[in-house]
Amino acid sequence: MAGHLFRIEGVGEILFERSRKATRINISVRPFKDIRVAVPYGVPYAKARMFAASKKHWIQKHLEKMRKAERDHGNLSHKFNNIDRREAGKILVQRLEELARKHGFKYNRVVIRNQKTRWGSCSSKNNISLNVKLVCLPEKLMDYIILHELVHTRVKNHGKRYYAALDRIVGDRKSLNSELKQYAIILGL
């Protein structure tokens, strides 16, 4: 979908694109993709430009984070985009089975997907979906995500009981989450 490039003082050029999915003006700053403003149909570009200009400091702050992530993890982007899906699927299923057996979890089915917005999920029927990109993470983070989903086979929400169960298995969940965020930035998750 073609868009328009507009310059915002102090930020640079920004791509403004019409979006059928957008219900409001939405700004995204993603590594290796720069800045994009999704503009709903019916909203004039002039209004979207004024909105983006009013968010200049937010954009600058996130642009700085993205540039740092690009410098720190630039080689990961290439790695994420060149995954052998069949091999990755074997690795993830095997690791899921090992961790489930070790910690006494039972799940129904597993699906490996190339997801754009999440690392994994667990359905109400205990079907687990894992992002193929997990194989590019350090093993401790891959295990953390898999265990996160396995705990959901017993506790279906993110309440105190859930986090207590997860903490008993993984230990320092907060530092793992913090480390995981660096990789999520690169993927735009």
N, C-alpha and C. Protein backbone atom coordinates (compact mmCIF):
# COMPACT_ATOMS: atom_id res chain seq x y z
N MET A 1 0.85 -1.17 0.00
CA MET A 1 0.00 0.00 0.00
C MET A 1 0.90 1.24 0.00
N ALA A 2 0.69 2.11 -0.97
CA ALA A 2 1.51 3.32 -1.09
C ALA A 2 1.16 4.29 0.03
N GLY A 3 2.14 5.02 0.46
CA GLY A 3 1.94 6.00 1.51
C GLY A 3 2.56 7.32 1.12
N HIS A 4 2.63 8.22 2.06
CA HIS A 4 3.23 9.53 1.84
C HIS A 4 4.32 9.74 2.88
N LEU A 5 5.43 10.30 2.43
CA LEU A 5 6.51 10.66 3.35
C LEU A 5 6.35 12.12 3.73
N PHE A 6 6.35 12.38 5.03
CA PHE A 6 6.30 13.74 5.54
C PHE A 6 7.45 13.93 6.51
N ARG A 7 8.00 15.11 6.52
CA ARG A 7 9.11 15.42 7.43
C ARG A 7 8.55 16.08 8.69
N ILE A 8 8.99 15.56 9.85
CA ILE A 8 8.65 16.17 11.13
C ILE A 8 9.93 16.74 11.70
N GLU A 9 9.94 18.02 12.00
CA GLU A 9 11.12 18.70 12.53
C GLU A 9 11.64 17.98 13.78
N GLY A 10 12.93 17.68 13.80
CA GLY A 10 13.54 17.03 14.95
C GLY A 10 13.44 15.51 14.92
N VAL A 11 12.73 14.97 13.91
CA VAL A 11 12.57 13.52 13.80
C VAL A 11 13.07 13.03 12.45
N GLY A 12 12.69 13.72 11.40
CA GLY A 12 13.05 13.31 10.05
C GLY A 12 11.83 12.87 9.28
N GLU A 13 12.05 12.07 8.24
CA GLU A 13 10.94 11.62 7.40
C GLU A 13 10.19 10.48 8.06
N ILE A 14 8.88 10.54 7.94
CA ILE A 14 7.99 9.52 8.50
C ILE A 14 7.05 9.06 7.39
N LEU A 15 6.83 7.76 7.33
CA LEU A 15 5.90 7.20 6.35
C LEU A 15 4.50 7.20 6.94
N PHE A 16 3.58 7.84 6.25
CA PHE A 16 2.17 7.85 6.62
C PHE A 16 1.44 6.98 5.62
N GLU A 17 0.72 5.96 6.12
CA GLU A 17 -0.01 5.05 5.24
C GLU A 17 -1.45 4.90 5.68
N ARG A 18 -2.34 4.81 4.72
CA ARG A 18 -3.74 4.51 5.01
C ARG A 18 -3.83 3.06 5.46
N SER A 19 -4.71 2.82 6.44
CA SER A 19 -4.87 1.46 6.96
C SER A 19 -6.35 1.16 7.20
N ARG A 20 -6.80 0.06 6.63
CA ARG A 20 -8.18 -0.39 6.86
C ARG A 20 -8.34 -0.94 8.29
N LYS A 21 -7.25 -1.46 8.86
CA LYS A 21 -7.31 -2.03 10.21
C LYS A 21 -7.30 -0.97 11.30
N ALA A 22 -6.69 0.17 11.03
CA ALA A 22 -6.54 1.20 12.05
C ALA A 22 -7.88 1.85 12.38
N THR A 23 -8.17 1.95 13.67
CA THR A 23 -9.38 2.65 14.12
C THR A 23 -9.02 4.03 14.66
N ARG A 24 -7.72 4.25 14.84
CA ARG A 24 -7.21 5.55 15.28
C ARG A 24 -5.82 5.71 14.70
N ILE A 25 -5.28 6.90 14.78
CA ILE A 25 -3.93 7.15 14.27
C ILE A 25 -2.95 6.39 15.17
N ASN A 26 -2.06 5.63 14.56
CA ASN A 26 -1.15 4.77 15.31
C ASN A 26 0.27 4.96 14.81
N ILE A 27 1.18 5.25 15.74
CA ILE A 27 2.60 5.45 15.39
C ILE A 27 3.38 4.22 15.82
N SER A 28 4.20 3.69 14.92
CA SER A 28 5.08 2.58 15.29
C SER A 28 6.51 2.93 14.89
N VAL A 29 7.43 2.60 15.78
CA VAL A 29 8.86 2.80 15.54
C VAL A 29 9.49 1.42 15.70
N ARG A 30 9.94 0.85 14.56
CA ARG A 30 10.45 -0.51 14.60
C ARG A 30 11.85 -0.59 14.01
N PRO A 31 12.67 -1.47 14.57
CA PRO A 31 14.03 -1.62 14.05
C PRO A 31 14.03 -1.97 12.57
N PHE A 32 14.96 -1.39 11.86
CA PHE A 32 15.20 -1.65 10.44
C PHE A 32 14.01 -1.25 9.56
N LYS A 33 12.99 -0.63 10.15
CA LYS A 33 11.82 -0.20 9.38
C LYS A 33 11.49 1.26 9.60
N ASP A 34 12.16 1.90 10.49
CA ASP A 34 11.96 3.31 10.80
C ASP A 34 10.57 3.58 11.37
N ILE A 35 10.01 4.75 11.03
CA ILE A 35 8.78 5.22 11.67
C ILE A 35 7.63 5.12 10.68
N ARG A 36 6.49 4.62 11.16
CA ARG A 36 5.29 4.50 10.33
C ARG A 36 4.11 5.02 11.11
N VAL A 37 3.25 5.77 10.43
CA VAL A 37 2.01 6.24 11.02
C VAL A 37 0.87 5.62 10.22
N ALA A 38 0.06 4.79 10.89
CA ALA A 38 -1.13 4.19 10.26
C ALA A 38 -2.26 5.20 10.40
N VAL A 39 -2.86 5.55 9.27
CA VAL A 39 -3.91 6.56 9.25
C VAL A 39 -5.22 5.91 8.81
N PRO A 40 -6.23 5.92 9.68
CA PRO A 40 -7.52 5.32 9.30
C PRO A 40 -8.13 6.09 8.12
N TYR A 41 -8.89 5.37 7.32
CA TYR A 41 -9.63 6.03 6.24
C TYR A 41 -10.59 7.02 6.89
N GLY A 42 -10.76 8.16 6.29
CA GLY A 42 -11.62 9.20 6.83
C GLY A 42 -10.89 10.22 7.68
N VAL A 43 -9.64 9.93 8.04
CA VAL A 43 -8.84 10.88 8.82
C VAL A 43 -7.89 11.58 7.83
N PRO A 44 -7.95 12.90 7.77
CA PRO A 44 -7.06 13.61 6.84
C PRO A 44 -5.58 13.45 7.22
N TYR A 45 -4.72 13.39 6.21
CA TYR A 45 -3.28 13.30 6.47
C TYR A 45 -2.81 14.48 7.31
N ALA A 46 -3.40 15.65 7.10
CA ALA A 46 -2.99 16.84 7.86
C ALA A 46 -3.20 16.61 9.36
N LYS A 47 -4.30 15.98 9.72
CA LYS A 47 -4.57 15.69 11.13
C LYS A 47 -3.56 14.67 11.67
N ALA A 48 -3.24 13.67 10.86
CA ALA A 48 -2.25 12.66 11.27
C ALA A 48 -0.87 13.29 11.44
N ARG A 49 -0.53 14.23 10.57
CA ARG A 49 0.76 14.93 10.69
C ARG A 49 0.82 15.74 11.98
N MET A 50 -0.28 16.42 12.30
CA MET A 50 -0.31 17.22 13.55
C MET A 50 -0.19 16.29 14.76
N PHE A 51 -0.85 15.14 14.70
CA PHE A 51 -0.78 14.18 15.80
C PHE A 51 0.66 13.70 15.96
N ALA A 52 1.30 13.31 14.85
CA ALA A 52 2.68 12.83 14.92
C ALA A 52 3.61 13.92 15.44
N ALA A 53 3.40 15.15 15.01
CA ALA A 53 4.25 16.26 15.49
C ALA A 53 4.07 16.45 16.99
N SER A 54 2.85 16.24 17.49
CA SER A 54 2.61 16.40 18.94
C SER A 54 3.28 15.28 19.74
N LYS A 55 3.63 14.18 19.09
CA LYS A 55 4.28 13.04 19.74
C LYS A 55 5.77 12.99 19.44
N LYS A 56 6.33 14.12 19.04
CA LYS A 56 7.73 14.19 18.64
C LYS A 56 8.68 13.63 19.70
N HIS A 57 8.48 13.99 20.96
CA HIS A 57 9.40 13.53 22.02
C HIS A 57 9.27 12.02 22.22
N TRP A 58 8.07 11.50 22.14
CA TRP A 58 7.85 10.04 22.25
C TRP A 58 8.57 9.33 21.10
N ILE A 59 8.40 9.87 19.89
CA ILE A 59 9.04 9.27 18.71
C ILE A 59 10.56 9.30 18.86
N GLN A 60 11.12 10.44 19.28
CA GLN A 60 12.57 10.55 19.45
C GLN A 60 13.09 9.53 20.45
N LYS A 61 12.37 9.39 21.58
CA LYS A 61 12.78 8.44 22.62
C LYS A 61 12.80 7.01 22.07
N HIS A 62 11.74 6.63 21.35
CA HIS A 62 11.67 5.27 20.82
C HIS A 62 12.62 5.05 19.65
N LEU A 63 12.85 6.08 18.88
CA LEU A 63 13.82 5.99 17.79
C LEU A 63 15.22 5.73 18.33
N GLU A 64 15.54 6.37 19.44
CA GLU A 64 16.84 6.15 20.09
C GLU A 64 16.96 4.69 20.55
N LYS A 65 15.90 4.16 21.16
CA LYS A 65 15.90 2.76 21.60
C LYS A 65 16.08 1.81 20.41
N MET A 66 15.39 2.10 19.31
CA MET A 66 15.48 1.24 18.13
C MET A 66 16.88 1.26 17.54
N ARG A 67 17.47 2.43 17.49
CA ARG A 67 18.83 2.53 16.93
C ARG A 67 19.83 1.78 17.79
N LYS A 68 19.65 1.84 19.12
CA LYS A 68 20.51 1.08 20.02
C LYS A 68 20.32 -0.42 19.79
N ALA A 69 19.06 -0.85 19.68
CA ALA A 69 18.78 -2.27 19.43
C ALA A 69 19.37 -2.72 18.10
N GLU A 70 19.29 -1.87 17.09
CA GLU A 70 19.88 -2.21 15.79
C GLU A 70 21.39 -2.39 15.91
N ARG A 71 22.04 -1.51 16.66
CA ARG A 71 23.50 -1.61 16.84
C ARG A 71 23.86 -2.87 17.64
N ASP A 72 23.11 -3.11 18.73
CA ASP A 72 23.43 -4.22 19.63
C ASP A 72 23.09 -5.59 19.04
N HIS A 73 22.02 -5.64 18.27
CA HIS A 73 21.51 -6.95 17.81
C HIS A 73 21.28 -7.00 16.31
N GLY A 74 22.00 -6.20 15.55
CA GLY A 74 21.80 -6.15 14.11
C GLY A 74 21.91 -7.49 13.42
N ASN A 75 22.83 -8.33 13.88
CA ASN A 75 23.01 -9.64 13.26
C ASN A 75 21.82 -10.57 13.53
N LEU A 76 21.07 -10.30 14.60
CA LEU A 76 19.91 -11.14 14.92
C LEU A 76 18.81 -11.00 13.88
N SER A 77 18.63 -9.82 13.35
CA SER A 77 17.59 -9.60 12.35
C SER A 77 17.81 -10.54 11.17
N HIS A 78 19.04 -10.64 10.73
CA HIS A 78 19.37 -11.56 9.63
C HIS A 78 19.07 -13.00 10.04
N LYS A 79 19.46 -13.34 11.26
CA LYS A 79 19.24 -14.70 11.78
C LYS A 79 17.74 -15.02 11.85
N PHE A 80 16.94 -14.07 12.35
CA PHE A 80 15.50 -14.27 12.47
C PHE A 80 14.84 -14.48 11.10
N ASN A 81 15.39 -13.83 10.08
CA ASN A 81 14.79 -13.90 8.76
C ASN A 81 15.27 -15.07 7.93
N ASN A 82 16.20 -15.86 8.45
CA ASN A 82 16.74 -17.00 7.69
C ASN A 82 16.67 -18.28 8.50
N ILE A 83 15.51 -18.56 9.07
CA ILE A 83 15.33 -19.74 9.90
C ILE A 83 14.86 -20.91 9.03
N ASP A 84 15.47 -22.07 9.25
CA ASP A 84 15.00 -23.30 8.63
C ASP A 84 13.80 -23.76 9.46
N ARG A 85 12.60 -23.53 8.97
CA ARG A 85 11.40 -23.77 9.76
C ARG A 85 11.24 -25.24 10.17
N ARG A 86 11.60 -26.14 9.30
CA ARG A 86 11.47 -27.57 9.63
C ARG A 86 12.39 -27.94 10.78
N GLU A 87 13.64 -27.50 10.70
CA GLU A 87 14.61 -27.80 11.76
C GLU A 87 14.22 -27.10 13.06
N ALA A 88 13.78 -25.86 12.95
CA ALA A 88 13.35 -25.10 14.13
C ALA A 88 12.17 -25.80 14.81
N GLY A 89 11.24 -26.29 14.02
CA GLY A 89 10.08 -27.00 14.57
C GLY A 89 10.50 -28.23 15.35
N LYS A 90 11.45 -28.98 14.81
CA LYS A 90 11.94 -30.18 15.51
C LYS A 90 12.56 -29.81 16.86
N ILE A 91 13.38 -28.77 16.84
CA ILE A 91 14.06 -28.33 18.07
C ILE A 91 13.03 -27.90 19.12
N LEU A 92 12.06 -27.10 18.71
CA LEU A 92 11.06 -26.58 19.66
C LEU A 92 10.16 -27.67 20.22
N VAL A 93 9.72 -28.58 19.36
CA VAL A 93 8.86 -29.67 19.83
C VAL A 93 9.62 -30.56 20.80
N GLN A 94 10.86 -30.87 20.47
CA GLN A 94 11.68 -31.70 21.35
C GLN A 94 11.88 -31.03 22.71
N ARG A 95 12.17 -29.74 22.69
CA ARG A 95 12.40 -29.02 23.96
C ARG A 95 11.11 -28.91 24.76
N LEU A 96 9.99 -28.68 24.09
CA LEU A 96 8.69 -28.65 24.77
C LEU A 96 8.42 -29.99 25.45
N GLU A 97 8.65 -31.08 24.75
CA GLU A 97 8.44 -32.41 25.33
C GLU A 97 9.34 -32.65 26.54
N GLU A 98 10.62 -32.25 26.43
CA GLU A 98 11.57 -32.43 27.54
C GLU A 98 11.14 -31.65 28.77
N LEU A 99 10.78 -30.38 28.58
CA LEU A 99 10.40 -29.54 29.72
C LEU A 99 9.07 -29.99 30.32
N ALA A 100 8.13 -30.42 29.49
CA ALA A 100 6.84 -30.91 29.99
C ALA A 100 7.06 -32.16 30.84
N ARG A 101 7.88 -33.05 30.35
CA ARG A 101 8.16 -34.29 31.09
C ARG A 101 8.89 -33.98 32.40
N LYS A 102 9.89 -33.14 32.34
CA LYS A 102 10.69 -32.80 33.52
C LYS A 102 9.85 -32.17 34.63
N HIS A 103 8.88 -31.32 34.25
CA HIS A 103 8.10 -30.58 35.24
C HIS A 103 6.68 -31.11 35.42
N GLY A 104 6.36 -32.24 34.77
CA GLY A 104 5.07 -32.89 34.96
C GLY A 104 3.88 -32.18 34.31
N PHE A 105 4.11 -31.50 33.18
CA PHE A 105 3.02 -30.84 32.47
C PHE A 105 2.49 -31.73 31.36
N LYS A 106 1.21 -31.54 31.05
CA LYS A 106 0.60 -32.23 29.91
C LYS A 106 -0.05 -31.17 29.02
N TYR A 107 0.15 -31.32 27.74
CA TYR A 107 -0.47 -30.41 26.77
C TYR A 107 -1.11 -31.26 25.69
N ASN A 108 -1.95 -30.66 24.90
CA ASN A 108 -2.68 -31.39 23.88
C ASN A 108 -1.88 -31.45 22.57
N ARG A 109 -1.83 -30.36 21.86
CA ARG A 109 -1.11 -30.28 20.58
C ARG A 109 -0.12 -29.12 20.62
N VAL A 110 0.82 -29.16 19.70
CA VAL A 110 1.75 -28.04 19.55
C VAL A 110 1.76 -27.62 18.08
N VAL A 111 1.78 -26.31 17.87
CA VAL A 111 1.87 -25.74 16.53
C VAL A 111 3.02 -24.76 16.54
N ILE A 112 3.85 -24.81 15.51
CA ILE A 112 4.96 -23.87 15.37
C ILE A 112 4.58 -22.90 14.26
N ARG A 113 4.60 -21.61 14.59
CA ARG A 113 4.18 -20.58 13.63
C ARG A 113 5.23 -19.48 13.56
N ASN A 114 5.17 -18.74 12.48
CA ASN A 114 5.99 -17.53 12.35
C ASN A 114 5.11 -16.37 12.76
N GLN A 115 5.02 -16.14 14.07
CA GLN A 115 4.11 -15.13 14.60
C GLN A 115 4.77 -13.77 14.63
N LYS A 116 3.95 -12.73 14.43
CA LYS A 116 4.48 -11.37 14.39
C LYS A 116 4.31 -10.64 15.70
N THR A 117 3.42 -11.09 16.56
CA THR A 117 3.13 -10.30 17.75
C THR A 117 3.36 -11.01 19.07
N ARG A 118 3.70 -12.29 19.05
CA ARG A 118 3.90 -12.98 20.33
C ARG A 118 4.88 -14.13 20.19
N TRP A 119 5.45 -14.50 21.33
CA TRP A 119 6.41 -15.61 21.38
C TRP A 119 5.67 -16.95 21.43
N GLY A 120 4.51 -16.98 22.05
CA GLY A 120 3.78 -18.23 22.16
C GLY A 120 2.42 -17.99 22.78
N SER A 121 1.62 -19.07 22.82
CA SER A 121 0.31 -18.99 23.47
C SER A 121 -0.13 -20.39 23.86
N CYS A 122 -1.11 -20.44 24.76
CA CYS A 122 -1.70 -21.70 25.19
C CYS A 122 -3.22 -21.52 25.17
N SER A 123 -3.91 -22.37 24.45
CA SER A 123 -5.36 -22.25 24.33
C SER A 123 -6.06 -22.87 25.54
N SER A 124 -7.35 -22.67 25.63
CA SER A 124 -8.14 -23.23 26.73
C SER A 124 -8.14 -24.76 26.67
N LYS A 125 -7.84 -25.33 25.50
CA LYS A 125 -7.77 -26.79 25.35
C LYS A 125 -6.34 -27.31 25.50
N ASN A 126 -5.46 -26.46 26.00
CA ASN A 126 -4.05 -26.81 26.22
C ASN A 126 -3.28 -27.10 24.93
N ASN A 127 -3.69 -26.44 23.85
CA ASN A 127 -2.91 -26.48 22.62
C ASN A 127 -1.88 -25.35 22.72
N ILE A 128 -0.64 -25.68 22.47
CA ILE A 128 0.43 -24.69 22.60
C ILE A 128 0.92 -24.28 21.22
N SER A 129 1.04 -22.98 21.05
CA SER A 129 1.58 -22.41 19.81
C SER A 129 2.89 -21.72 20.17
N LEU A 130 3.94 -22.00 19.41
CA LEU A 130 5.25 -21.40 19.66
C LEU A 130 5.73 -20.69 18.40
N ASN A 131 6.37 -19.56 18.61
CA ASN A 131 6.93 -18.78 17.52
C ASN A 131 8.22 -19.44 17.05
N VAL A 132 8.34 -19.67 15.75
CA VAL A 132 9.51 -20.32 15.19
C VAL A 132 10.80 -19.56 15.54
N LYS A 133 10.69 -18.25 15.79
CA LYS A 133 11.86 -17.43 16.09
C LYS A 133 12.48 -17.74 17.45
N LEU A 134 11.78 -18.51 18.28
CA LEU A 134 12.32 -18.88 19.59
C LEU A 134 13.67 -19.58 19.47
N VAL A 135 13.90 -20.28 18.37
CA VAL A 135 15.17 -21.01 18.23
C VAL A 135 16.37 -20.08 18.11
N CYS A 136 16.14 -18.81 17.83
CA CYS A 136 17.24 -17.84 17.72
C CYS A 136 17.61 -17.22 19.06
N LEU A 137 16.80 -17.45 20.07
CA LEU A 137 17.06 -16.89 21.40
C LEU A 137 18.07 -17.76 22.15
N PRO A 138 18.72 -17.18 23.15
CA PRO A 138 19.53 -18.02 24.04
C PRO A 138 18.62 -19.10 24.66
N GLU A 139 19.19 -20.27 24.93
CA GLU A 139 18.39 -21.40 25.41
C GLU A 139 17.57 -21.07 26.66
N LYS A 140 18.15 -20.31 27.59
CA LYS A 140 17.40 -20.02 28.82
C LYS A 140 16.15 -19.21 28.52
N LEU A 141 16.18 -18.33 27.50
CA LEU A 141 15.00 -17.55 27.15
C LEU A 141 13.98 -18.39 26.37
N MET A 142 14.48 -19.26 25.51
CA MET A 142 13.59 -20.18 24.80
C MET A 142 12.85 -21.05 25.82
N ASP A 143 13.59 -21.59 26.78
CA ASP A 143 12.98 -22.42 27.83
C ASP A 143 11.98 -21.62 28.65
N TYR A 144 12.31 -20.37 28.94
CA TYR A 144 11.41 -19.52 29.72
C TYR A 144 10.06 -19.36 29.02
N ILE A 145 10.09 -19.09 27.73
CA ILE A 145 8.83 -18.93 26.97
C ILE A 145 8.06 -20.24 26.96
N ILE A 146 8.74 -21.33 26.71
CA ILE A 146 8.06 -22.63 26.68
C ILE A 146 7.44 -22.94 28.04
N LEU A 147 8.19 -22.70 29.10
CA LEU A 147 7.65 -22.94 30.46
C LEU A 147 6.49 -21.99 30.77
N HIS A 148 6.58 -20.78 30.29
CA HIS A 148 5.49 -19.82 30.46
C HIS A 148 4.19 -20.41 29.90
N GLU A 149 4.28 -20.98 28.71
CA GLU A 149 3.08 -21.57 28.08
C GLU A 149 2.67 -22.86 28.78
N LEU A 150 3.62 -23.65 29.22
CA LEU A 150 3.26 -24.89 29.93
C LEU A 150 2.54 -24.60 31.25
N VAL A 151 2.95 -23.57 31.95
CA VAL A 151 2.27 -23.21 33.20
C VAL A 151 0.81 -22.83 32.90
N HIS A 152 0.57 -22.27 31.72
CA HIS A 152 -0.81 -21.93 31.34
C HIS A 152 -1.69 -23.17 31.15
N THR A 153 -1.09 -24.34 31.03
CA THR A 153 -1.93 -25.54 30.95
C THR A 153 -2.61 -25.82 32.28
N ARG A 154 -2.06 -25.24 33.35
CA ARG A 154 -2.66 -25.40 34.69
C ARG A 154 -3.37 -24.15 35.19
N VAL A 155 -2.82 -22.99 34.86
CA VAL A 155 -3.41 -21.72 35.31
C VAL A 155 -3.63 -20.87 34.06
N LYS A 156 -4.88 -20.56 33.77
CA LYS A 156 -5.23 -19.94 32.48
C LYS A 156 -5.15 -18.41 32.45
N ASN A 157 -4.62 -17.80 33.46
CA ASN A 157 -4.55 -16.34 33.47
C ASN A 157 -3.16 -15.90 33.93
N HIS A 158 -2.98 -14.61 34.10
CA HIS A 158 -1.71 -14.07 34.58
C HIS A 158 -1.86 -13.51 35.99
N GLY A 159 -2.57 -14.21 36.85
CA GLY A 159 -2.77 -13.77 38.23
C GLY A 159 -1.63 -14.19 39.13
N LYS A 160 -1.80 -13.93 40.42
CA LYS A 160 -0.77 -14.25 41.42
C LYS A 160 -0.43 -15.73 41.43
N ARG A 161 -1.46 -16.57 41.34
CA ARG A 161 -1.24 -18.01 41.36
C ARG A 161 -0.37 -18.45 40.17
N TYR A 162 -0.65 -17.86 39.02
CA TYR A 162 0.12 -18.18 37.82
C TYR A 162 1.60 -17.81 38.02
N TYR A 163 1.84 -16.56 38.44
CA TYR A 163 3.23 -16.12 38.59
C TYR A 163 3.96 -16.87 39.69
N ALA A 164 3.26 -17.25 40.73
CA ALA A 164 3.89 -18.05 41.79
C ALA A 164 4.34 -19.40 41.22
N ALA A 165 3.48 -20.02 40.41
CA ALA A 165 3.83 -21.31 39.79
C ALA A 165 5.01 -21.16 38.83
N LEU A 166 4.99 -20.11 38.03
CA LEU A 166 6.08 -19.88 37.08
C LEU A 166 7.39 -19.60 37.82
N ASP A 167 7.33 -18.78 38.87
CA ASP A 167 8.53 -18.46 39.64
C ASP A 167 9.15 -19.69 40.30
N ARG A 168 8.32 -20.63 40.74
CA ARG A 168 8.86 -21.86 41.33
C ARG A 168 9.71 -22.63 40.34
N ILE A 169 9.40 -22.50 39.07
CA ILE A 169 10.13 -23.26 38.04
C ILE A 169 11.31 -22.48 37.47
N VAL A 170 11.09 -21.20 37.13
CA VAL A 170 12.14 -20.46 36.41
C VAL A 170 13.04 -19.62 37.30
N GLY A 171 12.62 -19.37 38.52
CA GLY A 171 13.46 -18.56 39.40
C GLY A 171 13.25 -17.08 39.17
N ASP A 172 14.22 -16.42 38.58
CA ASP A 172 14.19 -14.97 38.43
C ASP A 172 13.46 -14.54 37.15
N ARG A 173 12.15 -14.60 37.20
CA ARG A 173 11.30 -14.28 36.05
C ARG A 173 11.51 -12.84 35.58
N LYS A 174 11.68 -11.91 36.50
CA LYS A 174 11.79 -10.50 36.12
C LYS A 174 13.05 -10.23 35.29
N SER A 175 14.16 -10.83 35.64
CA SER A 175 15.38 -10.59 34.85
C SER A 175 15.27 -11.28 33.49
N LEU A 176 14.61 -12.44 33.44
CA LEU A 176 14.40 -13.11 32.16
C LEU A 176 13.50 -12.25 31.26
N ASN A 177 12.45 -11.68 31.84
CA ASN A 177 11.56 -10.80 31.07
C ASN A 177 12.32 -9.60 30.54
N SER A 178 13.16 -9.02 31.36
CA SER A 178 13.94 -7.86 30.96
C SER A 178 14.85 -8.20 29.79
N GLU A 179 15.52 -9.33 29.88
CA GLU A 179 16.41 -9.76 28.80
C GLU A 179 15.62 -10.05 27.53
N LEU A 180 14.46 -10.66 27.69
CA LEU A 180 13.61 -11.01 26.55
C LEU A 180 13.14 -9.77 25.80
N LYS A 181 12.92 -8.68 26.52
CA LYS A 181 12.45 -7.44 25.89
C LYS A 181 13.42 -6.94 24.83
N GLN A 182 14.71 -7.15 25.05
CA GLN A 182 15.70 -6.71 24.06
C GLN A 182 15.50 -7.43 22.73
N TYR A 183 15.18 -8.71 22.81
CA TYR A 183 14.93 -9.48 21.58
C TYR A 183 13.59 -9.12 20.98
N ALA A 184 12.61 -8.85 21.81
CA ALA A 184 11.28 -8.48 21.32
C ALA A 184 11.33 -7.17 20.55
N ILE A 185 12.19 -6.25 20.97
CA ILE A 185 12.34 -4.98 20.26
C ILE A 185 12.78 -5.23 18.83
N ILE A 186 13.76 -6.11 18.65
CA ILE A 186 14.26 -6.41 17.31
C ILE A 186 13.17 -7.00 16.43
N LEU A 187 12.32 -7.84 17.01
CA LEU A 187 11.26 -8.48 16.24
C LEU A 187 10.01 -7.62 16.12
N GLY A 188 9.94 -6.58 16.92
CA GLY A 188 8.74 -5.76 16.91
C GLY A 188 7.59 -6.43 17.63
N LEU A 189 7.89 -7.33 18.55
CA LEU A 189 6.85 -8.05 19.30
C LEU A 189 6.37 -7.23 20.47
